[in-house]
Amino acid sequence: MPKTILIGAPIDAGQRRPGCLMGPAAYRVAGLAQAIAGLGHAVTDWGDLACPEVAAPPCPNPAVHSLAEVLGWTQVLSGRVAAALDEGAMPVVLGGDHSLALGSVAGAATHAARAGRPLFLLWLDAHSDFHTPLTTTSGNLHGTPVAYIAGRAGFDAFPPFPAPLPADRICLYGIRSVDPAEHAALLDHDIAINDMRVLDEHGVVAPLRAFLEQVAAAGGMLHVSLDVDFLDPAIAPAVGTTVPGGTTFREAHLVMELLHESGLVTSLDLVELNPFLDDRGMTARLMVDLVGSLMGRKVFDRPTRAK
């Protein structure tokens, strides 16, 4: 496993519920760096990024808000994630809402193009995030990254996405909240939706393993974007977009263990943690535990916690 670089992205602009900007600090307090280092990996923390001031053109959709701020974050995150990958490191972006993936995945795509390798995306989320700035009715840009990554039209205000990902390189996994407009667009782009119905019928292993085999066969790089609402809100309440029926503690850890065993993950987002909504840090600690599994921690390594 290469060196891990932590990159704080305290971005709250992609949605309207304040609190996600406290996410990077919560991960640090929950011991993320120590957990990774304890597994034998070198860790460097680049601290929290600051959003540069940029000008945004008027958006034809009056519902869209905070466009200039999201544009600024997209630019700075793209550059820093690409720089971390250029160093041969694995960047872990600490969010912040999911609009940060507009920049983090763009940075991974920039590096992948320079390296001559295909980039793949595993989207662990309750939502497909396949709106564009022109189709969103909420105006929340955290619902747009996958559309940007896939090359959908409507992102004229943003830098062109470097080498948009073909549909077969995108895996939406754990999805359970897709509105009709997004669903129609996903079908039009032929992106597979591994929703909770698929995982209930086939288990969590088969769909993920099939995707990982595809990444390995292509010699690809894999960016994983992990949203807190991928998890069931009963075990991860610290998110402003709770959707019942998410993955369980064991299912989520199994996903992370399979990712570790694949050896394919090259960059990671941790998004939508809102510590203001948490219960004594339980969600932050669970997310840190999941990163531990991704980094190689085994079930039998976990100590029993006092009741």
C-alpha atoms as a PDB file:
ATOM      1  CA  MET A   1       0.000   0.000   0.000  1.00  0.00           C
ATOM      2  CA  PRO A   2       1.461   3.405  -0.961  1.00  0.00           C
ATOM      3  CA  LYS A   3       1.741   6.319   1.423  1.00  0.00           C
ATOM      4  CA  THR A   4      -1.614   7.804   2.424  1.00  0.00           C
ATOM      5  CA  ILE A   5      -2.180  11.546   2.121  1.00  0.00           C
ATOM      6  CA  LEU A   6      -5.124  13.048   4.012  1.00  0.00           C
ATOM      7  CA  ILE A   7      -6.706  16.096   2.354  1.00  0.00           C
ATOM      8  CA  GLY A   8      -9.331  18.032   4.289  1.00  0.00           C
ATOM      9  CA  ALA A   9     -12.188  19.485   2.241  1.00  0.00           C
ATOM     10  CA  PRO A  10     -14.495  21.389   4.621  1.00  0.00           C
ATOM     11  CA  ILE A  11     -17.105  22.093   1.961  1.00  0.00           C
ATOM     12  CA  ASP A  12     -20.701  22.838   2.880  1.00  0.00           C
ATOM     13  CA  ALA A  13     -21.751  24.578  -0.327  1.00  0.00           C
ATOM     14  CA  GLY A  14     -23.157  21.585  -2.226  1.00  0.00           C
ATOM     15  CA  GLN A  15     -26.244  21.367  -0.023  1.00  0.00           C
ATOM     16  CA  ARG A  16     -28.188  23.560   2.422  1.00  0.00           C
ATOM     17  CA  ARG A  17     -27.836  21.868   5.811  1.00  0.00           C
ATOM     18  CA  PRO A  18     -24.831  23.295   7.687  1.00  0.00           C
ATOM     19  CA  GLY A  19     -22.384  21.000   9.451  1.00  0.00           C
ATOM     20  CA  CYS A  20     -20.421  19.048   6.822  1.00  0.00           C
ATOM     21  CA  LEU A  21     -17.586  21.557   7.028  1.00  0.00           C
ATOM     22  CA  MET A  22     -16.838  20.065  10.464  1.00  0.00           C
ATOM     23  CA  GLY A  23     -16.310  16.619   8.917  1.00  0.00           C
ATOM     24  CA  PRO A  24     -12.523  16.759   8.424  1.00  0.00           C
ATOM     25  CA  ALA A  25     -11.989  17.732  12.064  1.00  0.00           C
ATOM     26  CA  ALA A  26     -14.288  14.923  13.223  1.00  0.00           C
ATOM     27  CA  TYR A  27     -12.292  12.328  11.274  1.00  0.00           C
ATOM     28  CA  ARG A  28      -9.085  13.584  12.825  1.00  0.00           C
ATOM     29  CA  VAL A  29     -10.561  13.543  16.345  1.00  0.00           C
ATOM     30  CA  ALA A  30     -11.857   9.999  15.712  1.00  0.00           C
ATOM     31  CA  GLY A  31      -8.281   8.902  15.024  1.00  0.00           C
ATOM     32  CA  LEU A  32      -8.216   8.330  11.274  1.00  0.00           C
ATOM     33  CA  ALA A  33      -4.496   8.989  10.839  1.00  0.00           C
ATOM     34  CA  GLN A  34      -3.637   6.810  13.853  1.00  0.00           C
ATOM     35  CA  ALA A  35      -5.824   3.977  12.568  1.00  0.00           C
ATOM     36  CA  ILE A  36      -4.091   3.988   9.190  1.00  0.00           C
ATOM     37  CA  ALA A  37      -0.608   4.304  10.705  1.00  0.00           C
ATOM     38  CA  GLY A  38      -1.402   1.481  13.133  1.00  0.00           C
ATOM     39  CA  LEU A  39      -1.790  -0.831  10.153  1.00  0.00           C
ATOM     40  CA  GLY A  40       1.764  -0.078   9.048  1.00  0.00           C
ATOM     41  CA  HIS A  41       1.040   2.584   6.440  1.00  0.00           C
ATOM     42  CA  ALA A  42       2.833   5.907   6.202  1.00  0.00           C
ATOM     43  CA  VAL A  43       0.416   8.822   6.631  1.00  0.00           C
ATOM     44  CA  THR A  44       0.826  12.505   5.820  1.00  0.00           C
ATOM     45  CA  ASP A  45      -1.875  15.070   6.574  1.00  0.00           C
ATOM     46  CA  TRP A  46      -1.896  17.998   4.156  1.00  0.00           C
ATOM     47  CA  GLY A  47      -4.418  19.795   6.375  1.00  0.00           C
ATOM     48  CA  ASP A  48      -7.596  21.490   5.218  1.00  0.00           C
ATOM     49  CA  LEU A  49      -7.738  23.161   1.836  1.00  0.00           C
ATOM     50  CA  ALA A  50      -9.114  26.666   1.454  1.00  0.00           C
ATOM     51  CA  CYS A  51     -11.587  27.537  -1.254  1.00  0.00           C
ATOM     52  CA  PRO A  52     -10.216  30.078  -3.720  1.00  0.00           C
ATOM     53  CA  GLU A  53     -12.430  32.925  -4.852  1.00  0.00           C
ATOM     54  CA  VAL A  54     -13.595  32.356  -8.415  1.00  0.00           C
ATOM     55  CA  ALA A  55     -16.192  34.026 -10.581  1.00  0.00           C
ATOM     56  CA  ALA A  56     -19.144  31.939 -11.739  1.00  0.00           C
ATOM     57  CA  PRO A  57     -21.252  32.676 -14.798  1.00  0.00           C
ATOM     58  CA  PRO A  58     -25.000  32.997 -14.283  1.00  0.00           C
ATOM     59  CA  CYS A  59     -26.692  29.589 -14.133  1.00  0.00           C
ATOM     60  CA  PRO A  60     -29.804  29.189 -16.321  1.00  0.00           C
ATOM     61  CA  ASN A  61     -31.374  27.168 -13.502  1.00  0.00           C
ATOM     62  CA  PRO A  62     -32.435  29.640 -10.781  1.00  0.00           C
ATOM     63  CA  ALA A  63     -32.567  26.857  -8.172  1.00  0.00           C
ATOM     64  CA  VAL A  64     -28.785  26.372  -8.229  1.00  0.00           C
ATOM     65  CA  HIS A  65     -26.961  27.993  -5.325  1.00  0.00           C
ATOM     66  CA  SER A  66     -23.317  28.415  -4.269  1.00  0.00           C
ATOM     67  CA  LEU A  67     -22.036  27.774  -7.802  1.00  0.00           C
ATOM     68  CA  ALA A  68     -18.943  29.960  -7.427  1.00  0.00           C
ATOM     69  CA  GLU A  69     -17.914  28.258  -4.194  1.00  0.00           C
ATOM     70  CA  VAL A  70     -18.400  24.768  -5.633  1.00  0.00           C
ATOM     71  CA  LEU A  71     -16.376  25.792  -8.690  1.00  0.00           C
ATOM     72  CA  GLY A  72     -13.568  26.971  -6.430  1.00  0.00           C
ATOM     73  CA  TRP A  73     -13.539  23.726  -4.486  1.00  0.00           C
ATOM     74  CA  THR A  74     -13.595  21.722  -7.736  1.00  0.00           C
ATOM     75  CA  GLN A  75     -10.497  23.501  -8.999  1.00  0.00           C
ATOM     76  CA  VAL A  76      -8.430  23.259  -5.816  1.00  0.00           C
ATOM     77  CA  LEU A  77      -9.377  19.638  -5.081  1.00  0.00           C
ATOM     78  CA  SER A  78      -8.644  18.508  -8.619  1.00  0.00           C
ATOM     79  CA  GLY A  79      -5.147  19.930  -8.389  1.00  0.00           C
ATOM     80  CA  ARG A  80      -4.353  18.532  -4.953  1.00  0.00           C
ATOM     81  CA  VAL A  81      -5.685  15.027  -5.622  1.00  0.00           C
ATOM     82  CA  ALA A  82      -3.725  14.851  -8.879  1.00  0.00           C
ATOM     83  CA  ALA A  83      -0.610  16.050  -7.043  1.00  0.00           C
ATOM     84  CA  ALA A  84      -0.981  13.376  -4.360  1.00  0.00           C
ATOM     85  CA  LEU A  85      -1.372  10.656  -6.980  1.00  0.00           C
ATOM     86  CA  ASP A  86       1.594  12.032  -8.921  1.00  0.00           C
ATOM     87  CA  GLU A  87       3.661  11.465  -5.757  1.00  0.00           C
ATOM     88  CA  GLY A  88       2.695   7.789  -5.846  1.00  0.00           C
ATOM     89  CA  ALA A  89       0.468   8.257  -2.785  1.00  0.00           C
ATOM     90  CA  MET A  90      -3.155   7.362  -2.098  1.00  0.00           C
ATOM     91  CA  PRO A  91      -5.180  10.529  -1.418  1.00  0.00           C
ATOM     92  CA  VAL A  92      -8.022  10.273   1.108  1.00  0.00           C
ATOM     93  CA  VAL A  93     -10.297  13.312   0.857  1.00  0.00           C
ATOM     94  CA  LEU A  94     -12.055  14.146   4.121  1.00  0.00           C
ATOM     95  CA  GLY A  95     -15.382  15.842   3.452  1.00  0.00           C
ATOM     96  CA  GLY A  96     -17.353  17.865   3.353  1.00  0.00           C
ATOM     97  CA  ASP A  97     -20.434  17.250   1.202  1.00  0.00           C
ATOM     98  CA  HIS A  98     -20.428  15.101  -1.924  1.00  0.00           C
ATOM     99  CA  SER A  99     -19.925  18.019  -4.308  1.00  0.00           C
ATOM    100  CA  LEU A 100     -16.228  17.605  -3.442  1.00  0.00           C
ATOM    101  CA  ALA A 101     -16.188  14.599  -5.802  1.00  0.00           C
ATOM    102  CA  LEU A 102     -16.543  17.011  -8.726  1.00  0.00           C
ATOM    103  CA  GLY A 103     -12.927  17.919  -7.964  1.00  0.00           C
ATOM    104  CA  SER A 104     -11.486  14.776  -6.393  1.00  0.00           C
ATOM    105  CA  VAL A 105     -12.482  12.477  -9.263  1.00  0.00           C
ATOM    106  CA  ALA A 106     -11.382  15.081 -11.814  1.00  0.00           C
ATOM    107  CA  GLY A 107      -7.962  15.044 -10.152  1.00  0.00           C
ATOM    108  CA  ALA A 108      -7.849  11.254 -10.264  1.00  0.00           C
ATOM    109  CA  ALA A 109      -8.852  11.341 -13.935  1.00  0.00           C
ATOM    110  CA  THR A 110      -6.121  13.866 -14.707  1.00  0.00           C
ATOM    111  CA  HIS A 111      -3.497  11.627 -13.142  1.00  0.00           C
ATOM    112  CA  ALA A 112      -4.901   8.474 -14.786  1.00  0.00           C
ATOM    113  CA  ALA A 113      -4.721  10.123 -18.210  1.00  0.00           C
ATOM    114  CA  ARG A 114      -1.093  11.104 -17.601  1.00  0.00           C
ATOM    115  CA  ALA A 115      -0.323   7.568 -16.441  1.00  0.00           C
ATOM    116  CA  GLY A 116      -2.056   6.028 -19.450  1.00  0.00           C
ATOM    117  CA  ARG A 117      -4.406   3.961 -17.272  1.00  0.00           C
ATOM    118  CA  PRO A 118      -8.207   3.782 -17.268  1.00  0.00           C
ATOM    119  CA  LEU A 119      -9.988   5.210 -14.236  1.00  0.00           C
ATOM    120  CA  PHE A 120     -12.947   3.407 -12.646  1.00  0.00           C
ATOM    121  CA  LEU A 121     -15.415   4.780 -10.096  1.00  0.00           C
ATOM    122  CA  LEU A 122     -17.143   2.937  -7.239  1.00  0.00           C
ATOM    123  CA  TRP A 123     -19.952   5.146  -5.881  1.00  0.00           C
ATOM    124  CA  LEU A 124     -21.040   3.926  -2.432  1.00  0.00           C
ATOM    125  CA  ASP A 125     -24.122   6.039  -1.817  1.00  0.00           C
ATOM    126  CA  ALA A 126     -27.867   5.994  -1.252  1.00  0.00           C
ATOM    127  CA  HIS A 127     -28.206   8.407  -4.184  1.00  0.00           C
ATOM    128  CA  SER A 128     -27.097   8.236  -7.803  1.00  0.00           C
ATOM    129  CA  ASP A 129     -26.072  11.947  -7.899  1.00  0.00           C
ATOM    130  CA  PHE A 130     -26.773  12.033 -11.639  1.00  0.00           C
ATOM    131  CA  HIS A 131     -28.399  15.441 -11.944  1.00  0.00           C
ATOM    132  CA  THR A 132     -26.768  18.316 -13.791  1.00  0.00           C
ATOM    133  CA  PRO A 133     -26.855  22.002 -12.828  1.00  0.00           C
ATOM    134  CA  LEU A 134     -29.620  22.343 -15.418  1.00  0.00           C
ATOM    135  CA  THR A 135     -31.826  19.461 -14.192  1.00  0.00           C
ATOM    136  CA  THR A 136     -31.561  19.716 -10.399  1.00  0.00           C
ATOM    137  CA  THR A 137     -34.757  20.954  -8.759  1.00  0.00           C
ATOM    138  CA  SER A 138     -33.215  21.308  -5.298  1.00  0.00           C
ATOM    139  CA  GLY A 139     -30.283  23.344  -6.607  1.00  0.00           C
ATOM    140  CA  ASN A 140     -27.932  21.270  -4.425  1.00  0.00           C
ATOM    141  CA  LEU A 141     -24.791  20.541  -6.428  1.00  0.00           C
ATOM    142  CA  HIS A 142     -23.845  17.561  -4.242  1.00  0.00           C
ATOM    143  CA  GLY A 143     -26.368  15.711  -6.435  1.00  0.00           C
ATOM    144  CA  THR A 144     -24.371  16.238  -9.650  1.00  0.00           C
ATOM    145  CA  PRO A 145     -20.881  14.642  -9.495  1.00  0.00           C
ATOM    146  CA  VAL A 146     -21.600  11.348 -11.290  1.00  0.00           C
ATOM    147  CA  ALA A 147     -23.216  13.214 -14.178  1.00  0.00           C
ATOM    148  CA  TYR A 148     -20.102  15.407 -14.472  1.00  0.00           C
ATOM    149  CA  ILE A 149     -17.816  12.381 -14.325  1.00  0.00           C
ATOM    150  CA  ALA A 150     -19.863  10.590 -17.001  1.00  0.00           C
ATOM    151  CA  GLY A 151     -19.708  13.575 -19.344  1.00  0.00           C
ATOM    152  CA  ARG A 152     -23.346  14.705 -19.252  1.00  0.00           C
ATOM    153  CA  ALA A 153     -24.109  18.071 -20.813  1.00  0.00           C
ATOM    154  CA  GLY A 154     -25.011  21.007 -18.582  1.00  0.00           C
ATOM    155  CA  PHE A 155     -21.668  21.660 -16.862  1.00  0.00           C
ATOM    156  CA  ASP A 156     -20.593  24.622 -19.004  1.00  0.00           C
ATOM    157  CA  ALA A 157     -19.586  26.580 -15.889  1.00  0.00           C
ATOM    158  CA  PHE A 158     -17.112  23.853 -14.880  1.00  0.00           C
ATOM    159  CA  PRO A 159     -13.769  22.926 -16.416  1.00  0.00           C
ATOM    160  CA  PRO A 160     -14.325  20.120 -18.955  1.00  0.00           C
ATOM    161  CA  PHE A 161     -14.008  16.821 -17.120  1.00  0.00           C
ATOM    162  CA  PRO A 162     -10.723  15.168 -18.156  1.00  0.00           C
ATOM    163  CA  ALA A 163     -11.556  11.977 -20.036  1.00  0.00           C
ATOM    164  CA  PRO A 164     -15.198  11.342 -18.978  1.00  0.00           C
ATOM    165  CA  LEU A 165     -15.746   7.810 -17.736  1.00  0.00           C
ATOM    166  CA  PRO A 166     -17.647   5.383 -19.977  1.00  0.00           C
ATOM    167  CA  ALA A 167     -20.728   3.818 -18.396  1.00  0.00           C
ATOM    168  CA  ASP A 168     -19.056   0.435 -17.861  1.00  0.00           C
ATOM    169  CA  ARG A 169     -16.383   2.046 -15.678  1.00  0.00           C
ATOM    170  CA  ILE A 170     -18.926   3.432 -13.187  1.00  0.00           C
ATOM    171  CA  CYS A 171     -20.461   1.235 -10.475  1.00  0.00           C
ATOM    172  CA  LEU A 172     -23.320   2.722  -8.449  1.00  0.00           C
ATOM    173  CA  TYR A 173     -23.574   0.510  -5.382  1.00  0.00           C
ATOM    174  CA  GLY A 174     -26.072   0.599  -2.512  1.00  0.00           C
ATOM    175  CA  ILE A 175     -28.390   3.034  -4.316  1.00  0.00           C
ATOM    176  CA  ARG A 176     -31.908   3.406  -2.923  1.00  0.00           C
ATOM    177  CA  SER A 177     -33.054   6.950  -3.727  1.00  0.00           C
ATOM    178  CA  VAL A 178     -33.230   7.926  -7.420  1.00  0.00           C
ATOM    179  CA  ASP A 179     -35.746  10.416  -8.769  1.00  0.00           C
ATOM    180  CA  PRO A 180     -37.470   9.811 -12.156  1.00  0.00           C
ATOM    181  CA  ALA A 181     -35.332  12.301 -14.107  1.00  0.00           C
ATOM    182  CA  GLU A 182     -32.096  10.757 -12.845  1.00  0.00           C
ATOM    183  CA  HIS A 183     -33.383   7.236 -13.530  1.00  0.00           C
ATOM    184  CA  ALA A 184     -34.227   8.093 -17.137  1.00  0.00           C
ATOM    185  CA  ALA A 185     -30.806   9.670 -17.654  1.00  0.00           C
ATOM    186  CA  LEU A 186     -29.031   6.670 -16.115  1.00  0.00           C
ATOM    187  CA  LEU A 187     -30.861   4.320 -18.472  1.00  0.00           C
ATOM    188  CA  ASP A 188     -29.934   6.559 -21.389  1.00  0.00           C
ATOM    189  CA  HIS A 189     -26.254   6.304 -20.393  1.00  0.00           C
ATOM    190  CA  ASP A 190     -26.528   2.568 -19.669  1.00  0.00           C
ATOM    191  CA  ILE A 191     -24.944   2.918 -16.214  1.00  0.00           C
ATOM    192  CA  ALA A 192     -25.595  -0.144 -14.046  1.00  0.00           C
ATOM    193  CA  ILE A 193     -27.463   0.593 -10.824  1.00  0.00           C
ATOM    194  CA  ASN A 194     -26.553  -1.900  -8.111  1.00  0.00           C
ATOM    195  CA  ASP A 195     -29.344  -0.781  -5.827  1.00  0.00           C
ATOM    196  CA  MET A 196     -30.341  -2.375  -2.537  1.00  0.00           C
ATOM    197  CA  ARG A 197     -32.746  -4.688  -4.395  1.00  0.00           C
ATOM    198  CA  VAL A 198     -29.783  -6.105  -6.335  1.00  0.00           C
ATOM    199  CA  LEU A 199     -27.750  -6.486  -3.131  1.00  0.00           C
ATOM    200  CA  ASP A 200     -30.686  -8.137  -1.346  1.00  0.00           C
ATOM    201  CA  GLU A 201     -31.126 -10.641  -4.177  1.00  0.00           C
ATOM    202  CA  HIS A 202     -27.487 -11.380  -4.981  1.00  0.00           C
ATOM    203  CA  GLY A 203     -25.659 -10.396  -1.789  1.00  0.00           C
ATOM    204  CA  VAL A 204     -23.019  -7.719  -1.489  1.00  0.00           C
ATOM    205  CA  VAL A 205     -20.164  -9.838  -2.838  1.00  0.00           C
ATOM    206  CA  ALA A 206     -21.160 -10.906  -6.365  1.00  0.00           C
ATOM    207  CA  PRO A 207     -21.864  -7.461  -7.923  1.00  0.00           C
ATOM    208  CA  LEU A 208     -18.784  -5.894  -6.344  1.00  0.00           C
ATOM    209  CA  ARG A 209     -16.475  -8.754  -7.237  1.00  0.00           C
ATOM    210  CA  ALA A 210     -17.633  -8.628 -10.865  1.00  0.00           C
ATOM    211  CA  PHE A 211     -16.802  -4.925 -11.031  1.00  0.00           C
ATOM    212  CA  LEU A 212     -13.415  -5.393  -9.354  1.00  0.00           C
ATOM    213  CA  GLU A 213     -12.540  -8.153 -11.809  1.00  0.00           C
ATOM    214  CA  GLN A 214     -13.285  -5.720 -14.613  1.00  0.00           C
ATOM    215  CA  VAL A 215     -10.999  -3.081 -13.068  1.00  0.00           C
ATOM    216  CA  ALA A 216      -8.206  -5.624 -12.643  1.00  0.00           C
ATOM    217  CA  ALA A 217      -8.542  -6.943 -16.193  1.00  0.00           C
ATOM    218  CA  ALA A 218      -8.167  -3.410 -17.569  1.00  0.00           C
ATOM    219  CA  GLY A 219      -5.177  -2.572 -15.361  1.00  0.00           C
ATOM    220  CA  GLY A 220      -7.292   0.276 -14.055  1.00  0.00           C
ATOM    221  CA  MET A 221      -7.131   2.749 -11.193  1.00  0.00           C
ATOM    222  CA  LEU A 222     -10.094   2.778  -8.809  1.00  0.00           C
ATOM    223  CA  HIS A 223     -11.536   5.831  -7.087  1.00  0.00           C
ATOM    224  CA  VAL A 224     -13.936   4.982  -4.246  1.00  0.00           C
ATOM    225  CA  SER A 225     -16.400   7.629  -3.081  1.00  0.00           C
ATOM    226  CA  LEU A 226     -17.962   6.637   0.258  1.00  0.00           C
ATOM    227  CA  ASP A 227     -21.008   8.593   1.404  1.00  0.00           C
ATOM    228  CA  VAL A 228     -22.173   8.214   5.015  1.00  0.00           C
ATOM    229  CA  ASP A 229     -25.692   7.508   3.728  1.00  0.00           C
ATOM    230  CA  PHE A 230     -24.417   4.318   2.089  1.00  0.00           C
ATOM    231  CA  LEU A 231     -24.817   3.022   5.645  1.00  0.00           C
ATOM    232  CA  ASP A 232     -28.126   2.456   7.363  1.00  0.00           C
ATOM    233  CA  PRO A 233     -29.019   5.531   9.454  1.00  0.00           C
ATOM    234  CA  ALA A 234     -29.508   3.280  12.498  1.00  0.00           C
ATOM    235  CA  ILE A 235     -25.729   2.836  12.654  1.00  0.00           C
ATOM    236  CA  ALA A 236     -24.695   6.105  10.963  1.00  0.00           C
ATOM    237  CA  PRO A 237     -27.043   8.952  11.898  1.00  0.00           C
ATOM    238  CA  ALA A 238     -24.655  11.840  11.150  1.00  0.00           C
ATOM    239  CA  VAL A 239     -25.894  12.669   7.665  1.00  0.00           C
ATOM    240  CA  GLY A 240     -28.417  15.189   6.412  1.00  0.00           C
ATOM    241  CA  THR A 241     -29.837  12.889   3.719  1.00  0.00           C
ATOM    242  CA  THR A 242     -30.884   9.800   5.667  1.00  0.00           C
ATOM    243  CA  VAL A 243     -32.534   7.024   3.649  1.00  0.00           C
ATOM    244  CA  PRO A 244     -33.690   3.892   5.522  1.00  0.00           C
ATOM    245  CA  GLY A 245     -32.535   0.481   4.367  1.00  0.00           C
ATOM    246  CA  GLY A 246     -28.824   1.056   3.940  1.00  0.00           C
ATOM    247  CA  THR A 247     -25.997  -1.393   4.387  1.00  0.00           C
ATOM    248  CA  THR A 248     -25.439  -3.005   7.758  1.00  0.00           C
ATOM    249  CA  PHE A 249     -22.270  -2.875   9.839  1.00  0.00           C
ATOM    250  CA  ARG A 250     -21.103  -6.255   8.554  1.00  0.00           C
ATOM    251  CA  GLU A 251     -22.063  -5.619   4.909  1.00  0.00           C
ATOM    252  CA  ALA A 252     -20.145  -2.340   4.888  1.00  0.00           C
ATOM    253  CA  HIS A 253     -17.062  -3.931   6.433  1.00  0.00           C
ATOM    254  CA  LEU A 254     -17.247  -6.799   3.950  1.00  0.00           C
ATOM    255  CA  VAL A 255     -17.247  -4.300   1.081  1.00  0.00           C
ATOM    256  CA  MET A 256     -14.153  -2.636   2.539  1.00  0.00           C
ATOM    257  CA  GLU A 257     -12.408  -5.970   3.092  1.00  0.00           C
ATOM    258  CA  LEU A 258     -13.051  -6.986  -0.520  1.00  0.00           C
ATOM    259  CA  LEU A 259     -11.656  -3.663  -1.700  1.00  0.00           C
ATOM    260  CA  HIS A 260      -8.519  -4.199   0.360  1.00  0.00           C
ATOM    261  CA  GLU A 261      -8.040  -7.728  -0.941  1.00  0.00           C
ATOM    262  CA  SER A 262      -8.379  -6.478  -4.519  1.00  0.00           C
ATOM    263  CA  GLY A 263      -5.436  -4.093  -4.104  1.00  0.00           C
ATOM    264  CA  LEU A 264      -7.060  -1.809  -6.689  1.00  0.00           C
ATOM    265  CA  VAL A 265      -8.105   1.292  -4.721  1.00  0.00           C
ATOM    266  CA  THR A 266      -5.964   4.300  -5.629  1.00  0.00           C
ATOM    267  CA  SER A 267      -8.002   7.198  -4.149  1.00  0.00           C
ATOM    268  CA  LEU A 268     -10.849   7.616  -1.667  1.00  0.00           C
ATOM    269  CA  ASP A 269     -13.502  10.163  -0.654  1.00  0.00           C
ATOM    270  CA  LEU A 270     -15.207  10.208   2.755  1.00  0.00           C
ATOM    271  CA  VAL A 271     -18.231  12.466   2.377  1.00  0.00           C
ATOM    272  CA  GLU A 272     -21.391  13.894   3.943  1.00  0.00           C
ATOM    273  CA  LEU A 273     -20.386  13.390   7.586  1.00  0.00           C
ATOM    274  CA  ASN A 274     -22.217  16.048   9.611  1.00  0.00           C
ATOM    275  CA  PRO A 275     -20.866  15.813  13.185  1.00  0.00           C
ATOM    276  CA  PHE A 276     -23.630  18.126  14.420  1.00  0.00           C
ATOM    277  CA  LEU A 277     -26.093  15.284  13.729  1.00  0.00           C
ATOM    278  CA  ASP A 278     -23.960  12.523  15.241  1.00  0.00           C
ATOM    279  CA  ASP A 279     -24.536  10.576  18.448  1.00  0.00           C
ATOM    280  CA  ARG A 280     -21.350  10.957  20.530  1.00  0.00           C
ATOM    281  CA  GLY A 281     -19.161  10.468  17.478  1.00  0.00           C
ATOM    282  CA  MET A 282     -20.494   7.015  16.563  1.00  0.00           C
ATOM    283  CA  THR A 283     -20.700   7.735  12.819  1.00  0.00           C
ATOM    284  CA  ALA A 284     -17.210   9.235  12.648  1.00  0.00           C
ATOM    285  CA  ARG A 285     -15.793   6.230  14.516  1.00  0.00           C
ATOM    286  CA  LEU A 286     -17.603   3.801  12.201  1.00  0.00           C
ATOM    287  CA  MET A 287     -16.254   5.557   9.117  1.00  0.00           C
ATOM    288  CA  VAL A 288     -12.739   5.387  10.579  1.00  0.00           C
ATOM    289  CA  ASP A 289     -13.266   1.674  11.253  1.00  0.00           C
ATOM    290  CA  LEU A 290     -14.352   1.178   7.642  1.00  0.00           C
ATOM    291  CA  VAL A 291     -11.210   2.891   6.381  1.00  0.00           C
ATOM    292  CA  GLY A 292      -9.285   0.529   8.650  1.00  0.00           C
ATOM    293  CA  SER A 293     -10.891  -2.429   6.886  1.00  0.00           C
ATOM    294  CA  LEU A 294     -10.056  -0.885   3.512  1.00  0.00           C
ATOM    295  CA  MET A 295      -6.452  -0.551   4.674  1.00  0.00           C
ATOM    296  CA  GLY A 296      -6.183  -4.172   5.779  1.00  0.00           C
ATOM    297  CA  ARG A 297      -7.605  -4.536   9.261  1.00  0.00           C
ATOM    298  CA  LYS A 298      -9.223  -7.946   9.775  1.00  0.00           C
ATOM    299  CA  VAL A 299     -12.271  -8.871  11.816  1.00  0.00           C
ATOM    300  CA  PHE A 300     -10.178 -10.787  14.340  1.00  0.00           C
ATOM    301  CA  ASP A 301      -8.011  -7.710  14.900  1.00  0.00           C
ATOM    302  CA  ARG A 302     -10.868  -5.754  16.452  1.00  0.00           C
ATOM    303  CA  PRO A 303     -10.895  -5.566  20.254  1.00  0.00           C
ATOM    304  CA  THR A 304     -14.100  -6.120  22.171  1.00  0.00           C
ATOM    305  CA  ARG A 305     -15.505  -2.818  23.345  1.00  0.00           C
ATOM    306  CA  ALA A 306     -16.774  -2.350  26.858  1.00  0.00           C
ATOM    307  CA  LYS A 307     -20.563  -2.284  27.127  1.00  0.00           C
END
